[in-house]
Each structure stands twice: as structure tokens, then as C-alpha cells.
Amino acid sequence: MMMEKINATLEGYFVLLGFSNWPHLEVILFVVILMFYLMTLIGNLFIIILSYVDAHLHTPMYFFLSNLSFLDLCYTTSSIPQLLINLWGPEKKISYNGCMTQLYFVLALGSTECVLLVVMSYDRYAAVCRPLHYTVLMPPRFCHLLAVASWVSGFTNSALHSFLTFWVPLCGHRQVDHFLCEVPALLRLSCIDTHANKLTLMITSSIFVLIPLILILSSYGAIARAVLRMQSTTGLQKVFGTCGAHLMVVSLFFIPVMCIYLQPPSGNSQDQGKFIALFYTVVTPSLNPLIYTLRNKDVRGAVRRLMG
């Protein structure tokens, strides 16, 4: 079994089948995915630069939003360029080391985003429900510690699964029925029973998906109760605008991830899984800047000051 793993390493590549079953769609997918990728790059770079240069945006909310934007930039760049290369031509290979690197960073950045969205929901809870104590609850040092904890927890989780997946012996062929190197897709190439790997993946996915989702919904439940007690119409609109944007981001990210990582192997066909994964790796990161900035007066004011 270890010889098969060694042979795969020496031969040095995997074949990402991707959307080979729909060759007539590959050109269309290439154009659409390239457009979303450019939107992701432009939108998230815009938020990072604006949050840095405008002093009015040096607040915990925009600090965490900049982290989310940088995270989305890294997340999409870890998978989309390789996907575009595979869609453009008949060559669909990825090196063995490249596949393992992609697996590690895709899982690490996805796990980090789950935790970071919880941190952002806590920030909104403190701002709405404890406004008089907000500066005490969210000092700059504490905000930096929360951001670091998000990144460290995500990369630690990925290190565990990458190590377990790396030592799984392969079954000779190297055809990965996916457009990126994800743990479930690589486990399907194994020659042995991977029940322990799948169980570990299910447990950690529950920790990084279900628990954050429960915490986020709890935060927004408390926010909703506080909002209903408000008398100011302007305050209501501002709170619903900010928190509504965050909830939309949460929905767009968590629902597709749950469909992939918290379903039994027979829950989705492999083809359905590809399109679901396409949504949370391509579509969601490109929509985050639009959702957060489209109706945000602070961002519009910062743009006016920058242009003026």
C-alpha cells in the first residue's frame, strides 16, 4: 500500500476530471468563472485598500472585514487559477505536491472563514446590544487576538486532515473526480477503508460548521431582540442593513459547505457536489464585497473622501 503512495509521488501528478463530462460547457464555465474571479480580486482589494487608507474605517468591523476580504482573495487564488487552466485546454493535470498544497490551503482558508464569521457576528452583537461598553469589549488588542485565533484554528484543522489524507494509500489510478483537490475527493481514490478519515472529517466539520452557525444565529437572535426595542427608525435601518449583509454572507457560505461536508457520501452525487463546491469557491467570495458595500453609507463616504 505504501508502494502505491510512493509510485503516485514519483509519477508526480493527479488528473482533475472537473467538468469533463460536459465538454460543451467548459468554454462557458471558463468565461463565467474568470468574470467572477476578476470581480473577487477587484472587490476585495478595494475593501482592503479603502479600509487601510481611510481613518474613519479604522474600526473593529472594518478590520474584520479586511481580514475576510484578504481571506477570500487567498481562498479563490488557491483553486480558481488551476481550474481556469484545466477548463481552457485538454491538459487537466496537477502535480502531486501542487494537489497536496491546494488541499491544505483550501481547507485551511475555508475553516478560517467559518471562525472569522463567528467573530464578526460577535462584533455586531457587541455594537448593537452593548453600545456603551463597545470600546471596552472590542479593544484593538483583543480584535487582533480574535483574528489570529481564527487563522490559527483554521490552519491547525487543515494540518490534521492533510496529514491523514497524505498517508492514505492510493488505488493505482490518479483521476480525481473533482475540479480541485478536496479531502472527500481524494479519499475516494483510496485502496483501504477510510471510515476513520471520514468520521474525523465529519466531527471536525461539525465543530467548524455547526457550532459557528449556532453561535452566529444566537448572536443575531440577541441583535433582533435589541433592534425590536429601538425607537429610532434610522437606527433600525442601519442595524438591519449591516446585520442583514452579514447574515446573507453567512447563508451563502455555510449552506453549500454543509451540503458537501455534513452529508453522508450518498447524500449528493459527485456531479452535484462539483457544482455546489463551485458556488462556495467561486460565487460567494465575489459577492461578499458587493453585499457589504452596496448599501453601506460608511463605505460610500470613504469613497467620496478618497476621490475628493
Protein backbone atom coordinates (compact mmCIF):
# COMPACT_ATOMS: atom_id res chain seq x y z
CA MET A 1 0.00 0.00 0.00
CA MET A 2 2.83 2.40 0.78
CA MET A 3 4.43 1.47 -2.58
CA GLU A 4 1.29 2.75 -4.33
CA LYS A 5 1.59 6.01 -2.42
CA ILE A 6 5.29 6.20 -3.35
CA ASN A 7 4.52 5.45 -7.03
CA ALA A 8 1.95 8.24 -7.13
CA THR A 9 4.51 10.60 -5.65
CA LEU A 10 7.22 9.57 -8.12
CA GLU A 11 4.91 9.81 -11.12
CA GLY A 12 4.17 13.25 -9.80
CA TYR A 13 0.65 14.20 -10.86
CA PHE A 14 -3.09 13.79 -10.49
CA VAL A 15 -5.74 14.29 -13.17
CA LEU A 16 -8.54 16.64 -12.15
CA LEU A 17 -11.51 15.44 -14.21
CA GLY A 18 -13.52 18.53 -13.31
CA PHE A 19 -16.30 19.12 -15.83
CA SER A 20 -15.03 16.69 -18.48
CA ASN A 21 -18.48 15.10 -18.65
CA TRP A 22 -19.78 18.38 -20.10
CA PRO A 23 -17.13 19.43 -22.67
CA HIS A 24 -19.60 21.80 -24.35
CA LEU A 25 -19.89 23.72 -21.06
CA GLU A 26 -16.17 24.18 -20.42
CA VAL A 27 -15.78 27.34 -22.53
CA ILE A 28 -18.87 28.91 -20.95
CA LEU A 29 -17.67 27.95 -17.47
CA PHE A 30 -14.24 29.41 -18.24
CA VAL A 31 -15.72 32.79 -19.17
CA VAL A 32 -18.15 32.89 -16.23
CA ILE A 33 -15.59 31.77 -13.65
CA LEU A 34 -12.99 34.24 -14.99
CA MET A 35 -15.51 37.08 -14.61
CA PHE A 36 -16.31 36.06 -11.03
CA TYR A 37 -12.59 35.75 -10.24
CA LEU A 38 -11.88 39.25 -11.54
CA MET A 39 -14.84 40.55 -9.50
CA THR A 40 -13.37 38.85 -6.43
CA LEU A 41 -9.92 40.36 -6.97
CA ILE A 42 -11.17 43.88 -7.66
CA GLY A 43 -13.88 43.96 -4.97
CA ASN A 44 -11.81 42.53 -2.13
CA LEU A 45 -8.69 44.55 -2.97
CA PHE A 46 -10.92 47.64 -2.99
CA ILE A 47 -12.18 46.90 0.54
CA ILE A 48 -8.67 46.19 1.87
CA ILE A 49 -7.18 49.38 0.41
CA LEU A 50 -10.13 51.57 1.41
CA SER A 51 -10.14 50.25 4.98
CA TYR A 52 -6.42 50.95 5.24
CA VAL A 53 -6.28 54.48 3.81
CA ASP A 54 -9.48 55.93 5.34
CA ALA A 55 -9.14 56.72 9.04
CA HIS A 56 -12.94 56.67 9.51
CA LEU A 57 -12.90 52.93 8.72
CA HIS A 58 -10.28 52.05 11.35
CA THR A 59 -12.88 50.25 13.44
CA PRO A 60 -13.23 46.60 14.52
CA MET A 61 -15.95 45.97 11.93
CA TYR A 62 -13.78 47.03 9.01
CA PHE A 63 -10.70 45.39 10.50
CA PHE A 64 -12.51 42.04 10.43
CA LEU A 65 -14.00 42.83 7.01
CA SER A 66 -10.47 43.43 5.68
CA ASN A 67 -9.47 40.06 7.11
CA LEU A 68 -12.43 38.46 5.35
CA SER A 69 -11.50 40.16 2.06
CA PHE A 70 -7.88 39.01 2.29
CA LEU A 71 -9.10 35.54 3.20
CA ASP A 72 -11.38 35.42 0.14
CA LEU A 73 -8.53 36.58 -2.11
CA CYS A 74 -6.31 33.75 -0.87
CA TYR A 75 -9.16 31.22 -0.93
CA THR A 76 -10.09 31.84 -4.56
CA THR A 77 -6.47 32.10 -5.71
CA SER A 78 -5.70 28.69 -4.20
CA SER A 79 -8.15 26.97 -6.57
CA ILE A 80 -9.51 29.13 -9.40
CA PRO A 81 -6.32 29.66 -11.49
CA GLN A 82 -5.80 25.89 -11.69
CA LEU A 83 -9.48 25.45 -12.58
CA LEU A 84 -9.21 28.03 -15.38
CA ILE A 85 -6.13 26.28 -16.78
CA ASN A 86 -7.96 22.94 -16.79
CA LEU A 87 -11.06 24.43 -18.43
CA TRP A 88 -9.04 26.18 -21.16
CA GLY A 89 -7.22 23.17 -22.56
CA PRO A 90 -7.28 19.38 -22.68
CA GLU A 91 -4.44 19.08 -20.16
CA LYS A 92 -6.02 18.62 -16.72
CA LYS A 93 -3.02 17.55 -14.68
CA ILE A 94 -1.90 18.95 -11.36
CA SER A 95 1.35 17.96 -9.72
CA TYR A 96 1.26 15.74 -6.65
CA ASN A 97 2.84 18.46 -4.49
CA GLY A 98 0.53 21.05 -6.05
CA CYS A 99 -2.51 18.93 -5.21
CA MET A 100 -1.46 18.46 -1.60
CA THR A 101 -0.69 22.17 -1.27
CA GLN A 102 -4.07 23.08 -2.73
CA LEU A 103 -5.84 20.63 -0.42
CA TYR A 104 -4.14 22.16 2.62
CA PHE A 105 -4.84 25.80 1.78
CA VAL A 106 -8.42 25.32 0.53
CA LEU A 107 -9.38 23.53 3.76
CA ALA A 108 -7.36 25.90 5.97
CA LEU A 109 -8.84 29.05 4.48
CA GLY A 110 -12.37 27.62 4.46
CA SER A 111 -12.09 26.65 8.13
CA THR A 112 -10.70 30.07 8.98
CA GLU A 113 -13.65 31.76 7.29
CA CYS A 114 -16.10 29.76 9.42
CA VAL A 115 -14.46 31.04 12.62
CA LEU A 116 -13.99 34.58 11.31
CA LEU A 117 -17.71 34.88 10.54
CA VAL A 118 -18.43 34.00 14.18
CA VAL A 119 -16.03 36.73 15.31
CA MET A 120 -17.77 39.24 13.03
CA SER A 121 -21.17 38.28 14.44
CA TYR A 122 -19.85 38.82 17.99
CA ASP A 123 -18.57 42.24 16.94
CA ARG A 124 -22.05 43.18 15.67
CA TYR A 125 -23.62 41.81 18.87
CA ALA A 126 -21.32 43.99 20.99
CA ALA A 127 -22.00 47.06 18.82
CA VAL A 128 -25.80 46.71 18.90
CA CYS A 129 -26.55 45.11 22.26
CA ARG A 130 -23.74 46.65 24.35
CA PRO A 131 -23.07 50.01 22.63
CA LEU A 132 -21.93 51.82 25.80
CA HIS A 133 -19.36 49.09 26.52
CA TYR A 134 -18.33 48.51 22.89
CA THR A 135 -14.89 50.11 23.14
CA VAL A 136 -14.20 48.07 26.30
CA LEU A 137 -15.45 44.80 24.79
CA MET A 138 -13.62 45.24 21.47
CA PRO A 139 -10.27 46.99 22.10
CA PRO A 140 -7.71 46.79 19.24
CA ARG A 141 -5.53 44.21 21.00
CA PHE A 142 -8.49 41.89 21.56
CA CYS A 143 -9.58 42.28 17.92
CA HIS A 144 -6.11 41.26 16.76
CA LEU A 145 -6.17 38.24 19.08
CA LEU A 146 -9.56 37.14 17.68
CA ALA A 147 -8.27 37.45 14.11
CA VAL A 148 -5.11 35.47 14.92
CA ALA A 149 -7.18 32.78 16.69
CA SER A 150 -9.37 32.45 13.58
CA TRP A 151 -6.39 31.93 11.30
CA VAL A 152 -4.53 29.58 13.65
CA SER A 153 -7.58 27.37 14.27
CA GLY A 154 -8.30 27.04 10.54
CA PHE A 155 -4.73 26.14 9.60
CA THR A 156 -4.44 23.69 12.50
CA ASN A 157 -7.62 21.90 11.43
CA SER A 158 -6.31 21.65 7.86
CA ALA A 159 -2.95 20.29 9.04
CA LEU A 160 -4.73 17.38 10.74
CA HIS A 161 -6.75 16.38 7.66
CA SER A 162 -3.90 16.97 5.23
CA PHE A 163 -1.66 14.67 7.27
CA LEU A 164 -4.32 11.95 7.46
CA THR A 165 -5.10 12.22 3.74
CA PHE A 166 -1.43 12.27 2.74
CA TRP A 167 -0.83 8.82 4.27
CA VAL A 168 -3.87 7.15 2.67
CA PRO A 169 -2.66 4.62 0.05
CA LEU A 170 -3.99 5.11 -3.48
CA CYS A 171 -5.54 2.58 -5.84
CA GLY A 172 -3.16 2.97 -8.77
CA HIS A 173 -5.16 5.48 -10.84
CA ARG A 174 -4.80 9.19 -10.18
CA GLN A 175 -8.07 10.54 -11.62
CA VAL A 176 -9.71 12.88 -9.12
CA ASP A 177 -13.39 13.32 -9.95
CA HIS A 178 -13.43 16.98 -8.96
CA PHE A 179 -12.12 20.34 -10.16
CA LEU A 180 -9.92 20.80 -7.07
CA CYS A 181 -8.11 18.66 -4.53
CA GLU A 182 -10.52 18.30 -1.62
CA VAL A 183 -10.37 15.69 1.12
CA PRO A 184 -13.59 13.79 0.16
CA ALA A 185 -12.49 13.56 -3.49
CA LEU A 186 -9.03 12.20 -2.62
CA LEU A 187 -10.40 9.71 -0.10
CA ARG A 188 -12.38 8.12 -2.96
CA LEU A 189 -9.04 7.08 -4.52
CA SER A 190 -8.05 5.02 -1.50
CA CYS A 191 -7.48 1.26 -1.55
CA ILE A 192 -8.37 0.83 2.11
CA ASP A 193 -11.32 1.51 4.37
CA THR A 194 -11.32 5.26 5.05
CA HIS A 195 -14.13 5.17 7.59
CA ALA A 196 -11.86 6.65 10.29
CA ASN A 197 -10.85 9.53 7.98
CA LYS A 198 -14.47 10.25 7.06
CA LEU A 199 -15.54 10.13 10.71
CA THR A 200 -12.76 12.55 11.67
CA LEU A 201 -13.77 14.84 8.81
CA MET A 202 -17.41 14.71 9.91
CA ILE A 203 -16.55 15.53 13.54
CA THR A 204 -14.25 18.45 12.74
CA SER A 205 -16.69 19.73 10.10
CA SER A 206 -19.38 19.77 12.76
CA ILE A 207 -17.07 21.76 15.02
CA PHE A 208 -16.16 24.26 12.30
CA VAL A 209 -19.59 24.47 10.64
CA LEU A 210 -22.43 23.62 13.03
CA ILE A 211 -21.03 25.25 16.18
CA PRO A 212 -20.14 28.53 14.37
CA LEU A 213 -23.57 28.54 12.74
CA ILE A 214 -25.29 28.11 16.13
CA LEU A 215 -23.18 30.91 17.65
CA ILE A 216 -23.92 33.22 14.72
CA LEU A 217 -27.66 32.59 14.91
CA SER A 218 -27.55 33.15 18.69
CA SER A 219 -25.79 36.49 18.20
CA TYR A 220 -28.32 37.64 15.65
CA GLY A 221 -31.19 36.42 17.78
CA ALA A 222 -29.96 38.74 20.54
CA ILE A 223 -29.49 41.54 17.98
CA ALA A 224 -33.04 41.07 16.67
CA ARG A 225 -34.46 41.38 20.19
CA ALA A 226 -32.42 44.54 20.80
CA VAL A 227 -33.47 46.04 17.46
CA LEU A 228 -37.15 45.49 18.18
CA ARG A 229 -36.79 47.60 21.33
CA MET A 230 -35.29 50.53 19.39
CA GLN A 231 -37.37 53.63 18.79
CA SER A 232 -35.21 55.27 16.13
CA THR A 233 -36.12 54.45 12.52
CA THR A 234 -32.67 55.49 11.30
CA GLY A 235 -31.01 53.21 13.86
CA LEU A 236 -33.23 50.32 12.82
CA GLN A 237 -32.32 50.78 9.16
CA LYS A 238 -28.60 50.97 9.89
CA VAL A 239 -28.62 47.86 12.10
CA PHE A 240 -30.73 45.83 9.66
CA GLY A 241 -28.50 46.96 6.77
CA THR A 242 -25.26 45.91 8.44
CA CYS A 243 -26.52 42.73 10.10
CA GLY A 244 -28.61 41.74 7.09
CA ALA A 245 -25.49 41.87 4.93
CA HIS A 246 -23.61 39.65 7.38
CA LEU A 247 -26.45 37.12 7.53
CA MET A 248 -26.55 36.96 3.74
CA VAL A 249 -22.80 36.23 3.65
CA VAL A 250 -23.28 33.53 6.29
CA SER A 251 -26.08 31.89 4.29
CA LEU A 252 -24.15 31.96 1.01
CA PHE A 253 -21.13 30.34 2.64
CA PHE A 254 -22.50 27.89 5.21
CA ILE A 255 -25.36 26.31 3.26
CA PRO A 256 -23.21 24.99 0.36
CA VAL A 257 -20.46 23.88 2.77
CA MET A 258 -22.98 21.93 4.86
CA CYS A 259 -24.23 20.19 1.72
CA ILE A 260 -20.70 18.93 1.00
CA TYR A 261 -19.15 18.19 4.38
CA LEU A 262 -22.12 17.27 6.58
CA GLN A 263 -23.94 14.92 4.21
CA PRO A 264 -23.34 11.17 4.03
CA PRO A 265 -21.34 10.04 0.98
CA SER A 266 -24.54 9.05 -0.83
CA GLY A 267 -26.25 12.34 0.01
CA ASN A 268 -25.13 14.12 -3.17
CA SER A 269 -23.94 12.76 -6.48
CA GLN A 270 -20.38 13.68 -7.39
CA ASP A 271 -21.62 15.92 -10.20
CA GLN A 272 -23.93 17.81 -7.81
CA GLY A 273 -21.04 18.15 -5.39
CA LYS A 274 -18.91 19.83 -8.06
CA PHE A 275 -21.50 22.50 -8.76
CA ILE A 276 -22.13 23.08 -5.05
CA ALA A 277 -18.37 23.45 -4.48
CA LEU A 278 -18.23 25.82 -7.46
CA PHE A 279 -20.70 28.05 -5.65
CA TYR A 280 -18.77 28.47 -2.40
CA THR A 281 -15.33 28.65 -4.03
CA VAL A 282 -16.20 30.99 -6.93
CA VAL A 283 -19.52 32.78 -6.43
CA THR A 284 -19.63 33.60 -2.71
CA PRO A 285 -16.18 35.31 -2.46
CA SER A 286 -17.10 37.59 -5.37
CA LEU A 287 -20.42 38.60 -3.80
CA ASN A 288 -19.07 39.44 -0.34
CA PRO A 289 -17.69 42.90 -1.34
CA LEU A 290 -20.96 43.79 -3.08
CA ILE A 291 -23.11 42.65 -0.16
CA TYR A 292 -21.07 44.60 2.39
CA THR A 293 -20.58 47.81 0.38
CA LEU A 294 -23.63 48.20 -1.89
CA ARG A 295 -25.83 49.92 0.74
CA ASN A 296 -23.10 50.89 3.21
CA LYS A 297 -23.02 54.63 3.88
CA ASP A 298 -19.63 54.43 5.62
CA VAL A 299 -18.02 52.91 2.54
CA ARG A 300 -19.73 55.36 0.18
CA GLY A 301 -18.50 58.24 2.37
CA ALA A 302 -14.97 56.81 2.34
CA VAL A 303 -15.04 56.61 -1.46
CA ARG A 304 -16.16 60.22 -1.72
CA ARG A 305 -13.37 61.34 0.61
CA LEU A 306 -10.84 59.30 -1.36
CA MET A 307 -11.99 60.73 -4.68
CA GLY A 308 -12.27 64.25 -3.30
